[in-house]
PDB file of N, CA and C in Angstrom:
ATOM      1  N   UNK A   1      11.717  25.903 -21.382  1.00  0.00           N
ATOM      2  CA  UNK A   1      11.988  26.076 -19.975  1.00  0.00           C
ATOM      3  C   UNK A   1      12.843  24.936 -19.430  1.00  0.00           C
ATOM      4  N   UNK A   2      12.690  23.757 -20.017  1.00  0.00           N
ATOM      5  CA  UNK A   2      13.488  22.623 -19.561  1.00  0.00           C
ATOM      6  C   UNK A   2      14.966  22.899 -19.773  1.00  0.00           C
ATOM      7  N   UNK A   3      15.292  23.643 -20.848  1.00  0.00           N
ATOM      8  CA  UNK A   3      16.686  23.960 -21.123  1.00  0.00           C
ATOM      9  C   UNK A   3      17.304  24.820 -20.025  1.00  0.00           C
ATOM     10  N   UNK A   4      16.491  25.515 -19.247  1.00  0.00           N
ATOM     11  CA  UNK A   4      17.011  26.328 -18.154  1.00  0.00           C
ATOM     12  C   UNK A   4      17.496  25.481 -16.987  1.00  0.00           C
ATOM     13  N   UNK A   5      17.070  24.218 -16.931  1.00  0.00           N
ATOM     14  CA  UNK A   5      17.456  23.347 -15.819  1.00  0.00           C
ATOM     15  C   UNK A   5      18.777  22.676 -16.165  1.00  0.00           C
ATOM     16  N   UNK A   6      19.824  23.129 -15.552  1.00  0.00           N
ATOM     17  CA  UNK A   6      21.153  22.557 -15.731  1.00  0.00           C
ATOM     18  C   UNK A   6      21.763  22.442 -14.349  1.00  0.00           C
ATOM     19  N   UNK A   7      21.422  21.375 -13.664  1.00  0.00           N
ATOM     20  CA  UNK A   7      21.853  21.204 -12.274  1.00  0.00           C
ATOM     21  C   UNK A   7      20.666  21.355 -11.350  1.00  0.00           C
ATOM     22  N   UNK A   8      20.913  21.719 -10.117  1.00  0.00           N
ATOM     23  CA  UNK A   8      19.810  21.868  -9.152  1.00  0.00           C
ATOM     24  C   UNK A   8      18.793  22.903  -9.622  1.00  0.00           C
ATOM     25  N   UNK A   9      17.533  22.536  -9.549  1.00  0.00           N
ATOM     26  CA  UNK A   9      16.473  23.419 -10.057  1.00  0.00           C
ATOM     27  C   UNK A   9      16.443  24.744  -9.304  1.00  0.00           C
ATOM     28  N   UNK A  10      16.813  24.738  -8.036  1.00  0.00           N
ATOM     29  CA  UNK A  10      16.777  25.978  -7.261  1.00  0.00           C
ATOM     30  C   UNK A  10      17.842  26.975  -7.698  1.00  0.00           C
ATOM     31  N   UNK A  11      18.824  26.519  -8.464  1.00  0.00           N
ATOM     32  CA  UNK A  11      19.884  27.407  -8.942  1.00  0.00           C
ATOM     33  C   UNK A  11      19.612  27.902 -10.363  1.00  0.00           C
ATOM     34  N   UNK A  12      18.426  27.648 -10.897  1.00  0.00           N
ATOM     35  CA  UNK A  12      18.102  28.047 -12.269  1.00  0.00           C
ATOM     36  C   UNK A  12      17.425  29.405 -12.297  1.00  0.00           C
ATOM     37  N   UNK A  13      17.165  29.875 -13.509  1.00  0.00           N
ATOM     38  CA  UNK A  13      16.457  31.145 -13.700  1.00  0.00           C
ATOM     39  C   UNK A  13      14.952  30.960 -13.828  1.00  0.00           C
ATOM     40  N   UNK A  14      14.456  29.774 -13.514  1.00  0.00           N
ATOM     41  CA  UNK A  14      13.013  29.535 -13.570  1.00  0.00           C
ATOM     42  C   UNK A  14      12.297  30.376 -12.521  1.00  0.00           C
ATOM     43  N   UNK A  15      11.023  30.640 -12.779  1.00  0.00           N
ATOM     44  CA  UNK A  15      10.229  31.385 -11.801  1.00  0.00           C
ATOM     45  C   UNK A  15       9.996  30.508 -10.565  1.00  0.00           C
ATOM     46  N   UNK A  16       9.587  31.137  -9.483  1.00  0.00           N
ATOM     47  CA  UNK A  16       9.315  30.389  -8.250  1.00  0.00           C
ATOM     48  C   UNK A  16       8.217  29.352  -8.451  1.00  0.00           C
ATOM     49  N   UNK A  17       7.207  29.671  -9.276  1.00  0.00           N
ATOM     50  CA  UNK A  17       6.131  28.707  -9.548  1.00  0.00           C
ATOM     51  C   UNK A  17       6.685  27.455 -10.193  1.00  0.00           C
ATOM     52  N   UNK A  18       7.570  27.615 -11.197  1.00  0.00           N
ATOM     53  CA  UNK A  18       8.136  26.460 -11.874  1.00  0.00           C
ATOM     54  C   UNK A  18       9.061  25.672 -10.947  1.00  0.00           C
ATOM     55  N   UNK A  19       9.838  26.368 -10.153  1.00  0.00           N
ATOM     56  CA  UNK A  19      10.721  25.684  -9.196  1.00  0.00           C
ATOM     57  C   UNK A  19       9.892  24.863  -8.213  1.00  0.00           C
ATOM     58  N   UNK A  20       8.823  25.462  -7.702  1.00  0.00           N
ATOM     59  CA  UNK A  20       7.955  24.739  -6.773  1.00  0.00           C
ATOM     60  C   UNK A  20       7.307  23.535  -7.451  1.00  0.00           C
ATOM     61  N   UNK A  21       6.878  23.695  -8.710  1.00  0.00           N
ATOM     62  CA  UNK A  21       6.253  22.587  -9.433  1.00  0.00           C
ATOM     63  C   UNK A  21       7.240  21.438  -9.629  1.00  0.00           C
ATOM     64  N   UNK A  22       8.477  21.748 -10.017  1.00  0.00           N
ATOM     65  CA  UNK A  22       9.490  20.699 -10.206  1.00  0.00           C
ATOM     66  C   UNK A  22       9.814  20.025  -8.878  1.00  0.00           C
ATOM     67  N   UNK A  23       9.992  20.808  -7.836  1.00  0.00           N
ATOM     68  CA  UNK A  23      10.291  20.227  -6.523  1.00  0.00           C
ATOM     69  C   UNK A  23       9.146  19.353  -6.019  1.00  0.00           C
ATOM     70  N   UNK A  24       7.911  19.804  -6.259  1.00  0.00           N
ATOM     71  CA  UNK A  24       6.737  19.027  -5.830  1.00  0.00           C
ATOM     72  C   UNK A  24       6.654  17.712  -6.613  1.00  0.00           C
ATOM     73  N   UNK A  25       6.848  17.792  -7.930  1.00  0.00           N
ATOM     74  CA  UNK A  25       6.809  16.582  -8.765  1.00  0.00           C
ATOM     75  C   UNK A  25       7.907  15.609  -8.352  1.00  0.00           C
ATOM     76  N   UNK A  26       9.108  16.115  -8.083  1.00  0.00           N
ATOM     77  CA  UNK A  26      10.196  15.249  -7.631  1.00  0.00           C
ATOM     78  C   UNK A  26       9.853  14.571  -6.306  1.00  0.00           C
ATOM     79  N   UNK A  27       9.181  15.296  -5.426  1.00  0.00           N
ATOM     80  CA  UNK A  27       8.794  14.714  -4.141  1.00  0.00           C
ATOM     81  C   UNK A  27       7.749  13.614  -4.334  1.00  0.00           C
ATOM     82  N   UNK A  28       6.803  13.828  -5.253  1.00  0.00           N
ATOM     83  CA  UNK A  28       5.771  12.817  -5.522  1.00  0.00           C
ATOM     84  C   UNK A  28       6.404  11.562  -6.116  1.00  0.00           C
ATOM     85  N   UNK A  29       7.320  11.748  -7.064  1.00  0.00           N
ATOM     86  CA  UNK A  29       7.976  10.612  -7.707  1.00  0.00           C
ATOM     87  C   UNK A  29       8.939   9.928  -6.762  1.00  0.00           C
ATOM     88  N   UNK A  30       9.572  10.702  -5.900  1.00  0.00           N
ATOM     89  CA  UNK A  30      10.526  10.129  -4.957  1.00  0.00           C
ATOM     90  C   UNK A  30      11.906   9.945  -5.562  1.00  0.00           C
ATOM     91  N   UNK A  31      12.293  10.813  -6.502  1.00  0.00           N
ATOM     92  CA  UNK A  31      13.588  10.665  -7.151  1.00  0.00           C
ATOM     93  C   UNK A  31      14.742  11.089  -6.268  1.00  0.00           C
ATOM     94  N   UNK A  32      14.475  11.854  -5.274  1.00  0.00           N
ATOM     95  CA  UNK A  32      15.512  12.313  -4.349  1.00  0.00           C
ATOM     96  C   UNK A  32      14.821  12.790  -3.085  1.00  0.00           C
ATOM     97  N   UNK A  33      15.576  13.056  -2.051  1.00  0.00           N
ATOM     98  CA  UNK A  33      14.913  13.592  -0.853  1.00  0.00           C
ATOM     99  C   UNK A  33      14.180  14.888  -1.209  1.00  0.00           C
ATOM    100  N   UNK A  34      12.965  15.044  -0.747  1.00  0.00           N
ATOM    101  CA  UNK A  34      12.182  16.227  -1.119  1.00  0.00           C
ATOM    102  C   UNK A  34      12.856  17.520  -0.675  1.00  0.00           C
ATOM    103  N   UNK A  35      12.834  18.496  -1.555  1.00  0.00           N
ATOM    104  CA  UNK A  35      13.313  19.828  -1.225  1.00  0.00           C
ATOM    105  C   UNK A  35      12.144  20.645  -0.711  1.00  0.00           C
ATOM    106  N   UNK A  36      12.416  21.683   0.027  1.00  0.00           N
ATOM    107  CA  UNK A  36      11.306  22.519   0.496  1.00  0.00           C
ATOM    108  C   UNK A  36      10.532  23.102  -0.683  1.00  0.00           C
ATOM    109  N   UNK A  37       9.230  23.080  -0.562  1.00  0.00           N
ATOM    110  CA  UNK A  37       8.366  23.641  -1.596  1.00  0.00           C
ATOM    111  C   UNK A  37       7.756  24.904  -1.036  1.00  0.00           C
ATOM    112  N   UNK A  38       7.888  25.985  -1.806  1.00  0.00           N
ATOM    113  CA  UNK A  38       7.341  27.265  -1.360  1.00  0.00           C
ATOM    114  C   UNK A  38       5.835  27.301  -1.492  1.00  0.00           C
ATOM    115  N   UNK A  39       5.300  28.495  -1.423  1.00  0.00           N
ATOM    116  CA  UNK A  39       3.842  28.650  -1.497  1.00  0.00           C
ATOM    117  C   UNK A  39       3.403  29.271  -2.823  1.00  0.00           C
ATOM    118  N   UNK A  40       4.208  29.088  -3.881  1.00  0.00           N
ATOM    119  CA  UNK A  40       3.857  29.642  -5.187  1.00  0.00           C
ATOM    120  C   UNK A  40       2.720  28.870  -5.853  1.00  0.00           C
ATOM    121  N   UNK A  41       2.501  27.628  -5.428  1.00  0.00           N
ATOM    122  CA  UNK A  41       1.404  26.820  -5.975  1.00  0.00           C
ATOM    123  C   UNK A  41       0.278  26.751  -4.952  1.00  0.00           C
ATOM    124  N   UNK A  42      -0.954  26.866  -5.436  1.00  0.00           N
ATOM    125  CA  UNK A  42      -2.105  26.747  -4.541  1.00  0.00           C
ATOM    126  C   UNK A  42      -2.364  25.275  -4.227  1.00  0.00           C
ATOM    127  N   UNK A  43      -3.189  25.026  -3.239  1.00  0.00           N
ATOM    128  CA  UNK A  43      -3.520  23.640  -2.881  1.00  0.00           C
ATOM    129  C   UNK A  43      -4.190  22.892  -4.030  1.00  0.00           C
ATOM    130  N   UNK A  44      -5.142  23.520  -4.751  1.00  0.00           N
ATOM    131  CA  UNK A  44      -5.724  22.814  -5.905  1.00  0.00           C
ATOM    132  C   UNK A  44      -4.690  22.519  -6.991  1.00  0.00           C
ATOM    133  N   UNK A  45      -3.750  23.432  -7.206  1.00  0.00           N
ATOM    134  CA  UNK A  45      -2.698  23.181  -8.204  1.00  0.00           C
ATOM    135  C   UNK A  45      -1.809  22.023  -7.776  1.00  0.00           C
ATOM    136  N   UNK A  46      -1.494  21.960  -6.504  1.00  0.00           N
ATOM    137  CA  UNK A  46      -0.685  20.841  -6.000  1.00  0.00           C
ATOM    138  C   UNK A  46      -1.437  19.522  -6.144  1.00  0.00           C
ATOM    139  N   UNK A  47      -2.734  19.541  -5.867  1.00  0.00           N
ATOM    140  CA  UNK A  47      -3.534  18.320  -6.011  1.00  0.00           C
ATOM    141  C   UNK A  47      -3.559  17.870  -7.467  1.00  0.00           C
ATOM    142  N   UNK A  48      -3.758  18.811  -8.386  1.00  0.00           N
ATOM    143  CA  UNK A  48      -3.782  18.475  -9.810  1.00  0.00           C
ATOM    144  C   UNK A  48      -2.425  17.953 -10.271  1.00  0.00           C
ATOM    145  N   UNK A  49      -1.347  18.592  -9.832  1.00  0.00           N
ATOM    146  CA  UNK A  49      -0.004  18.150 -10.204  1.00  0.00           C
ATOM    147  C   UNK A  49       0.294  16.774  -9.630  1.00  0.00           C
ATOM    148  N   UNK A  50      -0.135  16.519  -8.400  1.00  0.00           N
ATOM    149  CA  UNK A  50       0.065  15.208  -7.789  1.00  0.00           C
ATOM    150  C   UNK A  50      -0.645  14.125  -8.586  1.00  0.00           C
ATOM    151  N   UNK A  51      -1.894  14.370  -8.956  1.00  0.00           N
ATOM    152  CA  UNK A  51      -2.654  13.395  -9.735  1.00  0.00           C
ATOM    153  C   UNK A  51      -2.023  13.172 -11.105  1.00  0.00           C
ATOM    154  N   UNK A  52      -1.610  14.247 -11.767  1.00  0.00           N
ATOM    155  CA  UNK A  52      -0.999  14.134 -13.095  1.00  0.00           C
ATOM    156  C   UNK A  52       0.293  13.338 -13.037  1.00  0.00           C
ATOM    157  N   UNK A  53       1.146  13.633 -12.071  1.00  0.00           N
ATOM    158  CA  UNK A  53       2.421  12.919 -11.931  1.00  0.00           C
ATOM    159  C   UNK A  53       2.173  11.457 -11.594  1.00  0.00           C
ATOM    160  N   UNK A  54       1.238  11.186 -10.704  1.00  0.00           N
ATOM    161  CA  UNK A  54       0.956   9.802 -10.309  1.00  0.00           C
ATOM    162  C   UNK A  54       0.418   8.984 -11.485  1.00  0.00           C
ATOM    163  N   UNK A  55      -0.485   9.562 -12.265  1.00  0.00           N
ATOM    164  CA  UNK A  55      -1.032   8.850 -13.420  1.00  0.00           C
ATOM    165  C   UNK A  55       0.056   8.607 -14.466  1.00  0.00           C
ATOM    166  N   UNK A  56       0.865   9.628 -14.746  1.00  0.00           N
ATOM    167  CA  UNK A  56       1.946   9.475 -15.718  1.00  0.00           C
ATOM    168  C   UNK A  56       2.938   8.406 -15.271  1.00  0.00           C
ATOM    169  N   UNK A  57       3.286   8.402 -14.003  1.00  0.00           N
ATOM    170  CA  UNK A  57       4.212   7.400 -13.488  1.00  0.00           C
ATOM    171  C   UNK A  57       3.584   6.005 -13.552  1.00  0.00           C
ATOM    172  N   UNK A  58       2.310   5.909 -13.261  1.00  0.00           N
ATOM    173  CA  UNK A  58       1.621   4.625 -13.344  1.00  0.00           C
ATOM    174  C   UNK A  58       1.608   4.070 -14.765  1.00  0.00           C
ATOM    175  N   UNK A  59       1.285   4.928 -15.750  1.00  0.00           N
ATOM    176  CA  UNK A  59       1.303   4.484 -17.142  1.00  0.00           C
ATOM    177  C   UNK A  59       2.706   4.094 -17.583  1.00  0.00           C
ATOM    178  N   UNK A  60       3.698   4.822 -17.111  1.00  0.00           N
ATOM    179  CA  UNK A  60       5.084   4.500 -17.455  1.00  0.00           C
ATOM    180  C   UNK A  60       5.464   3.125 -16.923  1.00  0.00           C
ATOM    181  N   UNK A  61       5.117   2.858 -15.685  1.00  0.00           N
ATOM    182  CA  UNK A  61       5.426   1.545 -15.096  1.00  0.00           C
ATOM    183  C   UNK A  61       4.653   0.432 -15.795  1.00  0.00           C
ATOM    184  N   UNK A  62       3.403   0.691 -16.152  1.00  0.00           N
ATOM    185  CA  UNK A  62       2.609  -0.315 -16.864  1.00  0.00           C
ATOM    186  C   UNK A  62       3.204  -0.598 -18.242  1.00  0.00           C
ATOM    187  N   UNK A  63       3.633   0.435 -18.945  1.00  0.00           N
ATOM    188  CA  UNK A  63       4.223   0.250 -20.271  1.00  0.00           C
ATOM    189  C   UNK A  63       5.486  -0.593 -20.192  1.00  0.00           C
ATOM    190  N   UNK A  64       6.275  -0.382 -19.164  1.00  0.00           N
ATOM    191  CA  UNK A  64       7.489  -1.180 -18.988  1.00  0.00           C
ATOM    192  C   UNK A  64       7.126  -2.618 -18.645  1.00  0.00           C
ATOM    193  N   UNK A  65       6.144  -2.797 -17.782  1.00  0.00           N
ATOM    194  CA  UNK A  65       5.758  -4.152 -17.370  1.00  0.00           C
ATOM    195  C   UNK A  65       5.142  -4.940 -18.523  1.00  0.00           C
ATOM    196  N   UNK A  66       4.334  -4.296 -19.341  1.00  0.00           N
ATOM    197  CA  UNK A  66       3.664  -4.992 -20.439  1.00  0.00           C
ATOM    198  C   UNK A  66       4.561  -5.192 -21.646  1.00  0.00           C
ATOM    199  N   UNK A  67       5.606  -4.401 -21.763  1.00  0.00           N
ATOM    200  CA  UNK A  67       6.508  -4.528 -22.901  1.00  0.00           C
ATOM    201  C   UNK A  67       5.959  -3.824 -24.130  1.00  0.00           C
ATOM    202  N   UNK A  68       6.722  -3.887 -25.215  1.00  0.00           N
ATOM    203  CA  UNK A  68       6.284  -3.193 -26.430  1.00  0.00           C
ATOM    204  C   UNK A  68       5.069  -3.863 -27.060  1.00  0.00           C
ATOM    205  N   UNK A  69       4.328  -3.093 -27.790  1.00  0.00           N
ATOM    206  CA  UNK A  69       3.141  -3.617 -28.474  1.00  0.00           C
ATOM    207  C   UNK A  69       3.574  -4.543 -29.606  1.00  0.00           C
ATOM    208  N   UNK A  70       2.786  -5.583 -29.879  1.00  0.00           N
ATOM    209  CA  UNK A  70       3.129  -6.465 -31.000  1.00  0.00           C
ATOM    210  C   UNK A  70       2.960  -5.717 -32.324  1.00  0.00           C
ATOM    211  N   UNK A  71       3.628  -6.222 -33.327  1.00  0.00           N
ATOM    212  CA  UNK A  71       3.481  -5.608 -34.647  1.00  0.00           C
ATOM    213  C   UNK A  71       2.043  -5.801 -35.120  1.00  0.00           C
ATOM    214  N   UNK A  72       1.425  -4.736 -35.517  1.00  0.00           N
ATOM    215  CA  UNK A  72       0.056  -4.786 -35.998  1.00  0.00           C
ATOM    216  C   UNK A  72       0.058  -4.573 -37.508  1.00  0.00           C
ATOM    217  N   UNK A  73      -0.796  -5.294 -38.223  1.00  0.00           N
ATOM    218  CA  UNK A  73      -0.829  -5.090 -39.671  1.00  0.00           C
ATOM    219  C   UNK A  73      -1.383  -3.705 -40.005  1.00  0.00           C
ATOM    220  N   UNK A  74      -0.912  -3.157 -41.075  1.00  0.00           N
ATOM    221  CA  UNK A  74      -1.372  -1.853 -41.530  1.00  0.00           C
ATOM    222  C   UNK A  74      -2.596  -2.032 -42.407  1.00  0.00           C
ATOM    223  N   UNK A  75      -3.642  -1.279 -42.099  1.00  0.00           N
ATOM    224  CA  UNK A  75      -4.855  -1.359 -42.894  1.00  0.00           C
ATOM    225  C   UNK A  75      -4.892  -0.163 -43.848  1.00  0.00           C
ATOM    226  N   UNK A  76      -5.067  -0.439 -45.102  1.00  0.00           N
ATOM    227  CA  UNK A  76      -5.128   0.627 -46.100  1.00  0.00           C
ATOM    228  C   UNK A  76      -6.566   0.711 -46.593  1.00  0.00           C
ATOM    229  N   UNK A  77      -7.146   1.878 -46.472  1.00  0.00           N
ATOM    230  CA  UNK A  77      -8.515   2.110 -46.946  1.00  0.00           C
ATOM    231  C   UNK A  77      -8.411   3.095 -48.091  1.00  0.00           C
ATOM    232  N   UNK A  78      -8.762   2.672 -49.299  1.00  0.00           N
ATOM    233  CA  UNK A  78      -8.628   3.587 -50.438  1.00  0.00           C
ATOM    234  C   UNK A  78      -9.609   4.763 -50.341  1.00  0.00           C
ATOM    235  N   UNK A  79      -9.167   5.867 -50.842  1.00  0.00           N
ATOM    236  CA  UNK A  79     -10.016   7.062 -50.880  1.00  0.00           C
ATOM    237  C   UNK A  79     -10.966   6.920 -52.075  1.00  0.00           C
ATOM    238  N   UNK A  80     -12.248   7.194 -51.879  1.00  0.00           N
ATOM    239  CA  UNK A  80     -13.191   7.081 -53.012  1.00  0.00           C
ATOM    240  C   UNK A  80     -12.784   8.037 -54.142  1.00  0.00           C
ATOM    241  N   UNK A  81     -12.881   7.559 -55.336  1.00  0.00           N
ATOM    242  CA  UNK A  81     -12.545   8.385 -56.503  1.00  0.00           C
ATOM    243  C   UNK A  81     -13.604   9.455 -56.732  1.00  0.00           C
ATOM    244  N   UNK A  82     -13.184  10.520 -57.381  1.00  0.00           N
ATOM    245  CA  UNK A  82     -14.169  11.584 -57.627  1.00  0.00           C
ATOM    246  C   UNK A  82     -14.704  11.531 -59.030  1.00  0.00           C
TER     247      UNK A  82
END
């Protein structure tokens, strides 16, 4: 479905539910001025999408702030012989 997005999401062949979800997520993230969101998503769906986007964005910002993980040694555990 992501391949269907080539330019403004409202000009794609996505269903109204997907268009509303993308527009809502963009509004939560603040990547551009919010576009009107239709009523294809219920209030509980919007709440769940808001929480999911906020948590994902928070983890993304934390990962950037903390930097890459240090190299960890590889532990090899032999398989018991039969």
